[in-house]
Amino acid sequence: MPRFQARVLVQLRPSVLDPAGEAASAAAQRLGVDGIAHLRIGKAVELELEAPDEAEARRRVELLSDRLLANPVIENWTLELSQS
């Protein structure tokens, strides 16, 4: 059965405050790193799965992303999928 590599990138929606991003931005300024106009923190989830084809692999990872990996009320996610 084919194997697929998936990377799900989860980010807070633009309308949701990001205290961790604000703290990191302030810390960067204290370190002398200037010019950061916008900094938000998210997460990347990487997984490998077996599926009969790419469409089924995509369906499974989308289900995981919607119901487990991201909170759809406050987060958006994107999917990168490739066959390994």
PDB file of N, CA and C in Angstrom:
ATOM      1  N   MET A   1       0.850  -1.177   0.000  1.00  0.00           N
ATOM      2  CA  MET A   1       0.000   0.000   0.000  1.00  0.00           C
ATOM      3  C   MET A   1       0.896   1.241   0.000  1.00  0.00           C
ATOM      4  N   PRO A   2       0.556   2.256  -0.781  1.00  0.00           N
ATOM      5  CA  PRO A   2       1.384   3.463  -0.838  1.00  0.00           C
ATOM      6  C   PRO A   2       1.441   4.207   0.499  1.00  0.00           C
ATOM      7  N   ARG A   3       2.581   4.847   0.729  1.00  0.00           N
ATOM      8  CA  ARG A   3       2.774   5.671   1.927  1.00  0.00           C
ATOM      9  C   ARG A   3       2.779   7.135   1.511  1.00  0.00           C
ATOM     10  N   PHE A   4       2.226   7.956   2.381  1.00  0.00           N
ATOM     11  CA  PHE A   4       2.151   9.386   2.125  1.00  0.00           C
ATOM     12  C   PHE A   4       2.708  10.154   3.313  1.00  0.00           C
ATOM     13  N   GLN A   5       3.393  11.236   3.005  1.00  0.00           N
ATOM     14  CA  GLN A   5       3.890  12.161   4.027  1.00  0.00           C
ATOM     15  C   GLN A   5       2.940  13.349   4.040  1.00  0.00           C
ATOM     16  N   ALA A   6       2.524  13.749   5.223  1.00  0.00           N
ATOM     17  CA  ALA A   6       1.632  14.895   5.349  1.00  0.00           C
ATOM     18  C   ALA A   6       2.212  15.873   6.363  1.00  0.00           C
ATOM     19  N   ARG A   7       2.037  17.138   6.065  1.00  0.00           N
ATOM     20  CA  ARG A   7       2.386  18.207   7.007  1.00  0.00           C
ATOM     21  C   ARG A   7       1.173  19.122   7.094  1.00  0.00           C
ATOM     22  N   VAL A   8       0.663  19.266   8.304  1.00  0.00           N
ATOM     23  CA  VAL A   8      -0.474  20.144   8.548  1.00  0.00           C
ATOM     24  C   VAL A   8       0.061  21.355   9.307  1.00  0.00           C
ATOM     25  N   LEU A   9      -0.140  22.529   8.735  1.00  0.00           N
ATOM     26  CA  LEU A   9       0.272  23.775   9.370  1.00  0.00           C
ATOM     27  C   LEU A   9      -0.965  24.423   9.983  1.00  0.00           C
ATOM     28  N   VAL A  10      -0.911  24.641  11.286  1.00  0.00           N
ATOM     29  CA  VAL A  10      -2.050  25.183  12.023  1.00  0.00           C
ATOM     30  C   VAL A  10      -1.683  26.583  12.510  1.00  0.00           C
ATOM     31  N   GLN A  11      -2.548  27.553  12.203  1.00  0.00           N
ATOM     32  CA  GLN A  11      -2.326  28.939  12.602  1.00  0.00           C
ATOM     33  C   GLN A  11      -3.602  29.477  13.222  1.00  0.00           C
ATOM     34  N   LEU A  12      -3.448  30.378  14.171  1.00  0.00           N
ATOM     35  CA  LEU A  12      -4.612  31.074  14.700  1.00  0.00           C
ATOM     36  C   LEU A  12      -5.237  31.916  13.595  1.00  0.00           C
ATOM     37  N   ARG A  13      -6.533  32.027  13.617  1.00  0.00           N
ATOM     38  CA  ARG A  13      -7.207  32.888  12.643  1.00  0.00           C
ATOM     39  C   ARG A  13      -6.748  34.326  12.855  1.00  0.00           C
ATOM     40  N   PRO A  14      -6.744  35.129  11.785  1.00  0.00           N
ATOM     41  CA  PRO A  14      -6.268  36.520  11.917  1.00  0.00           C
ATOM     42  C   PRO A  14      -7.027  37.324  12.972  1.00  0.00           C
ATOM     43  N   SER A  15      -8.274  37.006  13.215  1.00  0.00           N
ATOM     44  CA  SER A  15      -9.070  37.763  14.184  1.00  0.00           C
ATOM     45  C   SER A  15      -8.802  37.359  15.641  1.00  0.00           C
ATOM     46  N   VAL A  16      -8.013  36.309  15.852  1.00  0.00           N
ATOM     47  CA  VAL A  16      -7.737  35.810  17.201  1.00  0.00           C
ATOM     48  C   VAL A  16      -6.410  36.387  17.691  1.00  0.00           C
ATOM     49  N   LEU A  17      -6.408  36.921  18.901  1.00  0.00           N
ATOM     50  CA  LEU A  17      -5.175  37.449  19.482  1.00  0.00           C
ATOM     51  C   LEU A  17      -4.163  36.327  19.674  1.00  0.00           C
ATOM     52  N   ASP A  18      -2.883  36.657  19.513  1.00  0.00           N
ATOM     53  CA  ASP A  18      -1.801  35.679  19.655  1.00  0.00           C
ATOM     54  C   ASP A  18      -0.817  36.175  20.719  1.00  0.00           C
ATOM     55  N   PRO A  19      -1.080  35.908  21.999  1.00  0.00           N
ATOM     56  CA  PRO A  19      -0.182  36.391  23.054  1.00  0.00           C
ATOM     57  C   PRO A  19       1.241  35.854  22.918  1.00  0.00           C
ATOM     58  N   ALA A  20       1.394  34.609  22.485  1.00  0.00           N
ATOM     59  CA  ALA A  20       2.742  34.050  22.321  1.00  0.00           C
ATOM     60  C   ALA A  20       3.492  34.785  21.214  1.00  0.00           C
ATOM     61  N   GLY A  21       2.811  35.100  20.142  1.00  0.00           N
ATOM     62  CA  GLY A  21       3.432  35.850  19.053  1.00  0.00           C
ATOM     63  C   GLY A  21       3.827  37.246  19.489  1.00  0.00           C
ATOM     64  N   GLU A  22       2.955  37.897  20.263  1.00  0.00           N
ATOM     65  CA  GLU A  22       3.269  39.231  20.772  1.00  0.00           C
ATOM     66  C   GLU A  22       4.479  39.175  21.705  1.00  0.00           C
ATOM     67  N   ALA A  23       4.531  38.167  22.576  1.00  0.00           N
ATOM     68  CA  ALA A  23       5.666  38.027  23.495  1.00  0.00           C
ATOM     69  C   ALA A  23       6.958  37.773  22.726  1.00  0.00           C
ATOM     70  N   ALA A  24       6.907  36.941  21.699  1.00  0.00           N
ATOM     71  CA  ALA A  24       8.096  36.659  20.898  1.00  0.00           C
ATOM     72  C   ALA A  24       8.552  37.903  20.145  1.00  0.00           C
ATOM     73  N   SER A  25       7.609  38.671  19.640  1.00  0.00           N
ATOM     74  CA  SER A  25       7.951  39.904  18.936  1.00  0.00           C
ATOM     75  C   SER A  25       8.629  40.900  19.876  1.00  0.00           C
ATOM     76  N   ALA A  26       8.085  41.041  21.086  1.00  0.00           N
ATOM     77  CA  ALA A  26       8.688  41.941  22.074  1.00  0.00           C
ATOM     78  C   ALA A  26      10.076  41.456  22.472  1.00  0.00           C
ATOM     79  N   ALA A  27      10.233  40.144  22.639  1.00  0.00           N
ATOM     80  CA  ALA A  27      11.541  39.589  22.996  1.00  0.00           C
ATOM     81  C   ALA A  27      12.546  39.808  21.876  1.00  0.00           C
ATOM     82  N   ALA A  28      12.116  39.703  20.649  1.00  0.00           N
ATOM     83  CA  ALA A  28      13.015  39.944  19.509  1.00  0.00           C
ATOM     84  C   ALA A  28      13.518  41.381  19.534  1.00  0.00           C
ATOM     85  N   GLN A  29      12.640  42.317  19.836  1.00  0.00           N
ATOM     86  CA  GLN A  29      13.071  43.713  19.928  1.00  0.00           C
ATOM     87  C   GLN A  29      14.081  43.902  21.048  1.00  0.00           C
ATOM     88  N   ARG A  30      13.846  43.248  22.185  1.00  0.00           N
ATOM     89  CA  ARG A  30      14.802  43.348  23.302  1.00  0.00           C
ATOM     90  C   ARG A  30      16.151  42.757  22.928  1.00  0.00           C
ATOM     91  N   LEU A  31      16.148  41.769  22.032  1.00  0.00           N
ATOM     92  CA  LEU A  31      17.407  41.162  21.574  1.00  0.00           C
ATOM     93  C   LEU A  31      18.089  41.998  20.497  1.00  0.00           C
ATOM     94  N   GLY A  32      17.440  43.063  20.084  1.00  0.00           N
ATOM     95  CA  GLY A  32      18.032  43.935  19.078  1.00  0.00           C
ATOM     96  C   GLY A  32      17.649  43.574  17.651  1.00  0.00           C
ATOM     97  N   VAL A  33      16.672  42.724  17.486  1.00  0.00           N
ATOM     98  CA  VAL A  33      16.203  42.360  16.144  1.00  0.00           C
ATOM     99  C   VAL A  33      15.061  43.310  15.797  1.00  0.00           C
ATOM    100  N   ASP A  34      15.347  44.265  14.941  1.00  0.00           N
ATOM    101  CA  ASP A  34      14.361  45.269  14.568  1.00  0.00           C
ATOM    102  C   ASP A  34      13.696  44.907  13.246  1.00  0.00           C
ATOM    103  N   GLY A  35      12.609  45.578  12.955  1.00  0.00           N
ATOM    104  CA  GLY A  35      11.967  45.440  11.658  1.00  0.00           C
ATOM    105  C   GLY A  35      10.901  44.372  11.580  1.00  0.00           C
ATOM    106  N   ILE A  36      10.604  43.681  12.671  1.00  0.00           N
ATOM    107  CA  ILE A  36       9.550  42.666  12.630  1.00  0.00           C
ATOM    108  C   ILE A  36       8.203  43.388  12.682  1.00  0.00           C
ATOM    109  N   ALA A  37       7.473  43.297  11.600  1.00  0.00           N
ATOM    110  CA  ALA A  37       6.184  43.980  11.509  1.00  0.00           C
ATOM    111  C   ALA A  37       5.050  43.103  12.019  1.00  0.00           C
ATOM    112  N   HIS A  38       5.208  41.803  11.900  1.00  0.00           N
ATOM    113  CA  HIS A  38       4.103  40.905  12.246  1.00  0.00           C
ATOM    114  C   HIS A  38       4.700  39.545  12.594  1.00  0.00           C
ATOM    115  N   LEU A  39       4.364  39.002  13.749  1.00  0.00           N
ATOM    116  CA  LEU A  39       4.872  37.691  14.152  1.00  0.00           C
ATOM    117  C   LEU A  39       3.735  36.936  14.824  1.00  0.00           C
ATOM    118  N   ARG A  40       3.405  35.766  14.264  1.00  0.00           N
ATOM    119  CA  ARG A  40       2.384  34.897  14.852  1.00  0.00           C
ATOM    120  C   ARG A  40       2.979  33.508  14.978  1.00  0.00           C
ATOM    121  N   ILE A  41       2.578  32.802  16.016  1.00  0.00           N
ATOM    122  CA  ILE A  41       3.116  31.475  16.272  1.00  0.00           C
ATOM    123  C   ILE A  41       2.034  30.441  15.996  1.00  0.00           C
ATOM    124  N   GLY A  42       2.422  29.380  15.300  1.00  0.00           N
ATOM    125  CA  GLY A  42       1.509  28.285  15.005  1.00  0.00           C
ATOM    126  C   GLY A  42       2.193  26.970  15.325  1.00  0.00           C
ATOM    127  N   LYS A  43       1.708  25.922  14.691  1.00  0.00           N
ATOM    128  CA  LYS A  43       2.329  24.614  14.898  1.00  0.00           C
ATOM    129  C   LYS A  43       2.313  23.841  13.588  1.00  0.00           C
ATOM    130  N   ALA A  44       3.269  22.946  13.462  1.00  0.00           N
ATOM    131  CA  ALA A  44       3.346  22.050  12.301  1.00  0.00           C
ATOM    132  C   ALA A  44       3.237  20.623  12.821  1.00  0.00           C
ATOM    133  N   VAL A  45       2.366  19.863  12.203  1.00  0.00           N
ATOM    134  CA  VAL A  45       2.183  18.457  12.563  1.00  0.00           C
ATOM    135  C   VAL A  45       2.583  17.636  11.348  1.00  0.00           C
ATOM    136  N   GLU A  46       3.544  16.738  11.521  1.00  0.00           N
ATOM    137  CA  GLU A  46       4.002  15.885  10.431  1.00  0.00           C
ATOM    138  C   GLU A  46       3.598  14.456  10.722  1.00  0.00           C
ATOM    139  N   LEU A  47       3.094  13.782   9.704  1.00  0.00           N
ATOM    140  CA  LEU A  47       2.731  12.388   9.875  1.00  0.00           C
ATOM    141  C   LEU A  47       2.930  11.624   8.579  1.00  0.00           C
ATOM    142  N   GLU A  48       3.047  10.327   8.729  1.00  0.00           N
ATOM    143  CA  GLU A  48       3.174   9.413   7.598  1.00  0.00           C
ATOM    144  C   GLU A  48       2.041   8.407   7.721  1.00  0.00           C
ATOM    145  N   LEU A  49       1.365   8.145   6.614  1.00  0.00           N
ATOM    146  CA  LEU A  49       0.264   7.198   6.657  1.00  0.00           C
ATOM    147  C   LEU A  49       0.216   6.374   5.387  1.00  0.00           C
ATOM    148  N   GLU A  50      -0.395   5.217   5.508  1.00  0.00           N
ATOM    149  CA  GLU A  50      -0.632   4.347   4.357  1.00  0.00           C
ATOM    150  C   GLU A  50      -2.076   4.527   3.931  1.00  0.00           C
ATOM    151  N   ALA A  51      -2.289   4.597   2.620  1.00  0.00           N
ATOM    152  CA  ALA A  51      -3.634   4.725   2.063  1.00  0.00           C
ATOM    153  C   ALA A  51      -3.610   4.177   0.647  1.00  0.00           C
ATOM    154  N   PRO A  52      -4.756   3.725   0.144  1.00  0.00           N
ATOM    155  CA  PRO A  52      -4.778   3.143  -1.199  1.00  0.00           C
ATOM    156  C   PRO A  52      -4.430   4.132  -2.303  1.00  0.00           C
ATOM    157  N   ASP A  53      -4.725   5.425  -2.089  1.00  0.00           N
ATOM    158  CA  ASP A  53      -4.398   6.435  -3.099  1.00  0.00           C
ATOM    159  C   ASP A  53      -4.326   7.810  -2.439  1.00  0.00           C
ATOM    160  N   GLU A  54      -3.906   8.802  -3.209  1.00  0.00           N
ATOM    161  CA  GLU A  54      -3.715  10.145  -2.658  1.00  0.00           C
ATOM    162  C   GLU A  54      -5.034  10.761  -2.185  1.00  0.00           C
ATOM    163  N   ALA A  55      -6.100  10.525  -2.908  1.00  0.00           N
ATOM    164  CA  ALA A  55      -7.393  11.096  -2.521  1.00  0.00           C
ATOM    165  C   ALA A  55      -7.827  10.580  -1.151  1.00  0.00           C
ATOM    166  N   GLU A  56      -7.631   9.293  -0.895  1.00  0.00           N
ATOM    167  CA  GLU A  56      -7.999   8.726   0.406  1.00  0.00           C
ATOM    168  C   GLU A  56      -7.068   9.229   1.507  1.00  0.00           C
ATOM    169  N   ALA A  57      -5.784   9.348   1.205  1.00  0.00           N
ATOM    170  CA  ALA A  57      -4.840   9.899   2.182  1.00  0.00           C
ATOM    171  C   ALA A  57      -5.248  11.322   2.540  1.00  0.00           C
ATOM    172  N   ARG A  58      -5.579  12.118   1.549  1.00  0.00           N
ATOM    173  CA  ARG A  58      -6.001  13.503   1.777  1.00  0.00           C
ATOM    174  C   ARG A  58      -7.281  13.532   2.630  1.00  0.00           C
ATOM    175  N   ARG A  59      -8.236  12.683   2.322  1.00  0.00           N
ATOM    176  CA  ARG A  59      -9.488  12.637   3.078  1.00  0.00           C
ATOM    177  C   ARG A  59      -9.220  12.338   4.552  1.00  0.00           C
ATOM    178  N   ARG A  60      -8.342  11.370   4.809  1.00  0.00           N
ATOM    179  CA  ARG A  60      -8.036  10.986   6.196  1.00  0.00           C
ATOM    180  C   ARG A  60      -7.354  12.113   6.959  1.00  0.00           C
ATOM    181  N   VAL A  61      -6.376  12.751   6.326  1.00  0.00           N
ATOM    182  CA  VAL A  61      -5.649  13.823   7.013  1.00  0.00           C
ATOM    183  C   VAL A  61      -6.552  15.044   7.202  1.00  0.00           C
ATOM    184  N   GLU A  62      -7.414  15.321   6.242  1.00  0.00           N
ATOM    185  CA  GLU A  62      -8.363  16.421   6.412  1.00  0.00           C
ATOM    186  C   GLU A  62      -9.302  16.161   7.589  1.00  0.00           C
ATOM    187  N   LEU A  63      -9.754  14.927   7.744  1.00  0.00           N
ATOM    188  CA  LEU A  63     -10.599  14.563   8.875  1.00  0.00           C
ATOM    189  C   LEU A  63      -9.851  14.781  10.192  1.00  0.00           C
ATOM    190  N   LEU A  64      -8.602  14.309  10.257  1.00  0.00           N
ATOM    191  CA  LEU A  64      -7.788  14.519  11.457  1.00  0.00           C
ATOM    192  C   LEU A  64      -7.606  16.006  11.743  1.00  0.00           C
ATOM    193  N   SER A  65      -7.327  16.767  10.700  1.00  0.00           N
ATOM    194  CA  SER A  65      -7.070  18.198  10.871  1.00  0.00           C
ATOM    195  C   SER A  65      -8.299  18.919  11.396  1.00  0.00           C
ATOM    196  N   ASP A  66      -9.463  18.617  10.824  1.00  0.00           N
ATOM    197  CA  ASP A  66     -10.704  19.277  11.237  1.00  0.00           C
ATOM    198  C   ASP A  66     -11.145  18.899  12.644  1.00  0.00           C
ATOM    199  N   ARG A  67     -10.909  17.656  13.032  1.00  0.00           N
ATOM    200  CA  ARG A  67     -11.481  17.171  14.293  1.00  0.00           C
ATOM    201  C   ARG A  67     -10.485  16.967  15.425  1.00  0.00           C
ATOM    202  N   LEU A  68      -9.193  16.941  15.118  1.00  0.00           N
ATOM    203  CA  LEU A  68      -8.218  16.622  16.160  1.00  0.00           C
ATOM    204  C   LEU A  68      -7.063  17.623  16.235  1.00  0.00           C
ATOM    205  N   LEU A  69      -6.472  17.946  15.107  1.00  0.00           N
ATOM    206  CA  LEU A  69      -5.238  18.731  15.113  1.00  0.00           C
ATOM    207  C   LEU A  69      -5.462  20.228  15.272  1.00  0.00           C
ATOM    208  N   ALA A  70      -6.602  20.728  14.807  1.00  0.00           N
ATOM    209  CA  ALA A  70      -6.879  22.158  14.871  1.00  0.00           C
ATOM    210  C   ALA A  70      -8.238  22.390  15.525  1.00  0.00           C
ATOM    211  N   ASN A  71      -8.357  23.532  16.161  1.00  0.00           N
ATOM    212  CA  ASN A  71      -9.638  23.952  16.719  1.00  0.00           C
ATOM    213  C   ASN A  71     -10.286  24.858  15.669  1.00  0.00           C
ATOM    214  N   PRO A  72     -11.301  24.368  14.956  1.00  0.00           N
ATOM    215  CA  PRO A  72     -11.860  25.139  13.840  1.00  0.00           C
ATOM    216  C   PRO A  72     -12.511  26.459  14.249  1.00  0.00           C
ATOM    217  N   VAL A  73     -12.765  26.656  15.525  1.00  0.00           N
ATOM    218  CA  VAL A  73     -13.353  27.911  15.986  1.00  0.00           C
ATOM    219  C   VAL A  73     -12.327  29.036  15.936  1.00  0.00           C
ATOM    220  N   ILE A  74     -11.064  28.730  16.271  1.00  0.00           N
ATOM    221  CA  ILE A  74     -10.043  29.786  16.361  1.00  0.00           C
ATOM    222  C   ILE A  74      -8.836  29.565  15.453  1.00  0.00           C
ATOM    223  N   GLU A  75      -8.755  28.408  14.778  1.00  0.00           N
ATOM    224  CA  GLU A  75      -7.564  28.104  13.973  1.00  0.00           C
ATOM    225  C   GLU A  75      -7.931  27.735  12.537  1.00  0.00           C
ATOM    226  N   ASN A  76      -7.025  28.085  11.633  1.00  0.00           N
ATOM    227  CA  ASN A  76      -7.065  27.630  10.248  1.00  0.00           C
ATOM    228  C   ASN A  76      -5.928  26.640  10.061  1.00  0.00           C
ATOM    229  N   TRP A  77      -6.055  25.768   9.064  1.00  0.00           N
ATOM    230  CA  TRP A  77      -4.971  24.830   8.787  1.00  0.00           C
ATOM    231  C   TRP A  77      -4.810  24.674   7.284  1.00  0.00           C
ATOM    232  N   THR A  78      -3.589  24.315   6.886  1.00  0.00           N
ATOM    233  CA  THR A  78      -3.292  23.994   5.494  1.00  0.00           C
ATOM    234  C   THR A  78      -2.595  22.644   5.477  1.00  0.00           C
ATOM    235  N   LEU A  79      -2.701  21.971   4.357  1.00  0.00           N
ATOM    236  CA  LEU A  79      -2.179  20.606   4.222  1.00  0.00           C
ATOM    237  C   LEU A  79      -1.184  20.532   3.068  1.00  0.00           C
ATOM    238  N   GLU A  80      -0.049  19.918   3.334  1.00  0.00           N
ATOM    239  CA  GLU A  80       0.919  19.561   2.297  1.00  0.00           C
ATOM    240  C   GLU A  80       0.979  18.030   2.298  1.00  0.00           C
ATOM    241  N   LEU A  81       0.781  17.413   1.134  1.00  0.00           N
ATOM    242  CA  LEU A  81       0.737  15.954   1.055  1.00  0.00           C
ATOM    243  C   LEU A  81       1.578  15.503  -0.123  1.00  0.00           C
ATOM    244  N   SER A  82       2.388  14.474   0.119  1.00  0.00           N
ATOM    245  CA  SER A  82       3.187  13.907  -0.960  1.00  0.00           C
ATOM    246  C   SER A  82       3.353  12.411  -0.724  1.00  0.00           C
ATOM    247  N   GLN A  83       3.553  11.699  -1.805  1.00  0.00           N
ATOM    248  CA  GLN A  83       3.760  10.258  -1.688  1.00  0.00           C
ATOM    249  C   GLN A  83       5.230  10.008  -1.401  1.00  0.00           C
ATOM    250  N   SER A  84       5.513   9.121  -0.446  1.00  0.00           N
ATOM    251  CA  SER A  84       6.912   8.847  -0.094  1.00  0.00           C
ATOM    252  C   SER A  84       7.411   7.586  -0.757  1.00  0.00           C
TER     253      SER A  84
END
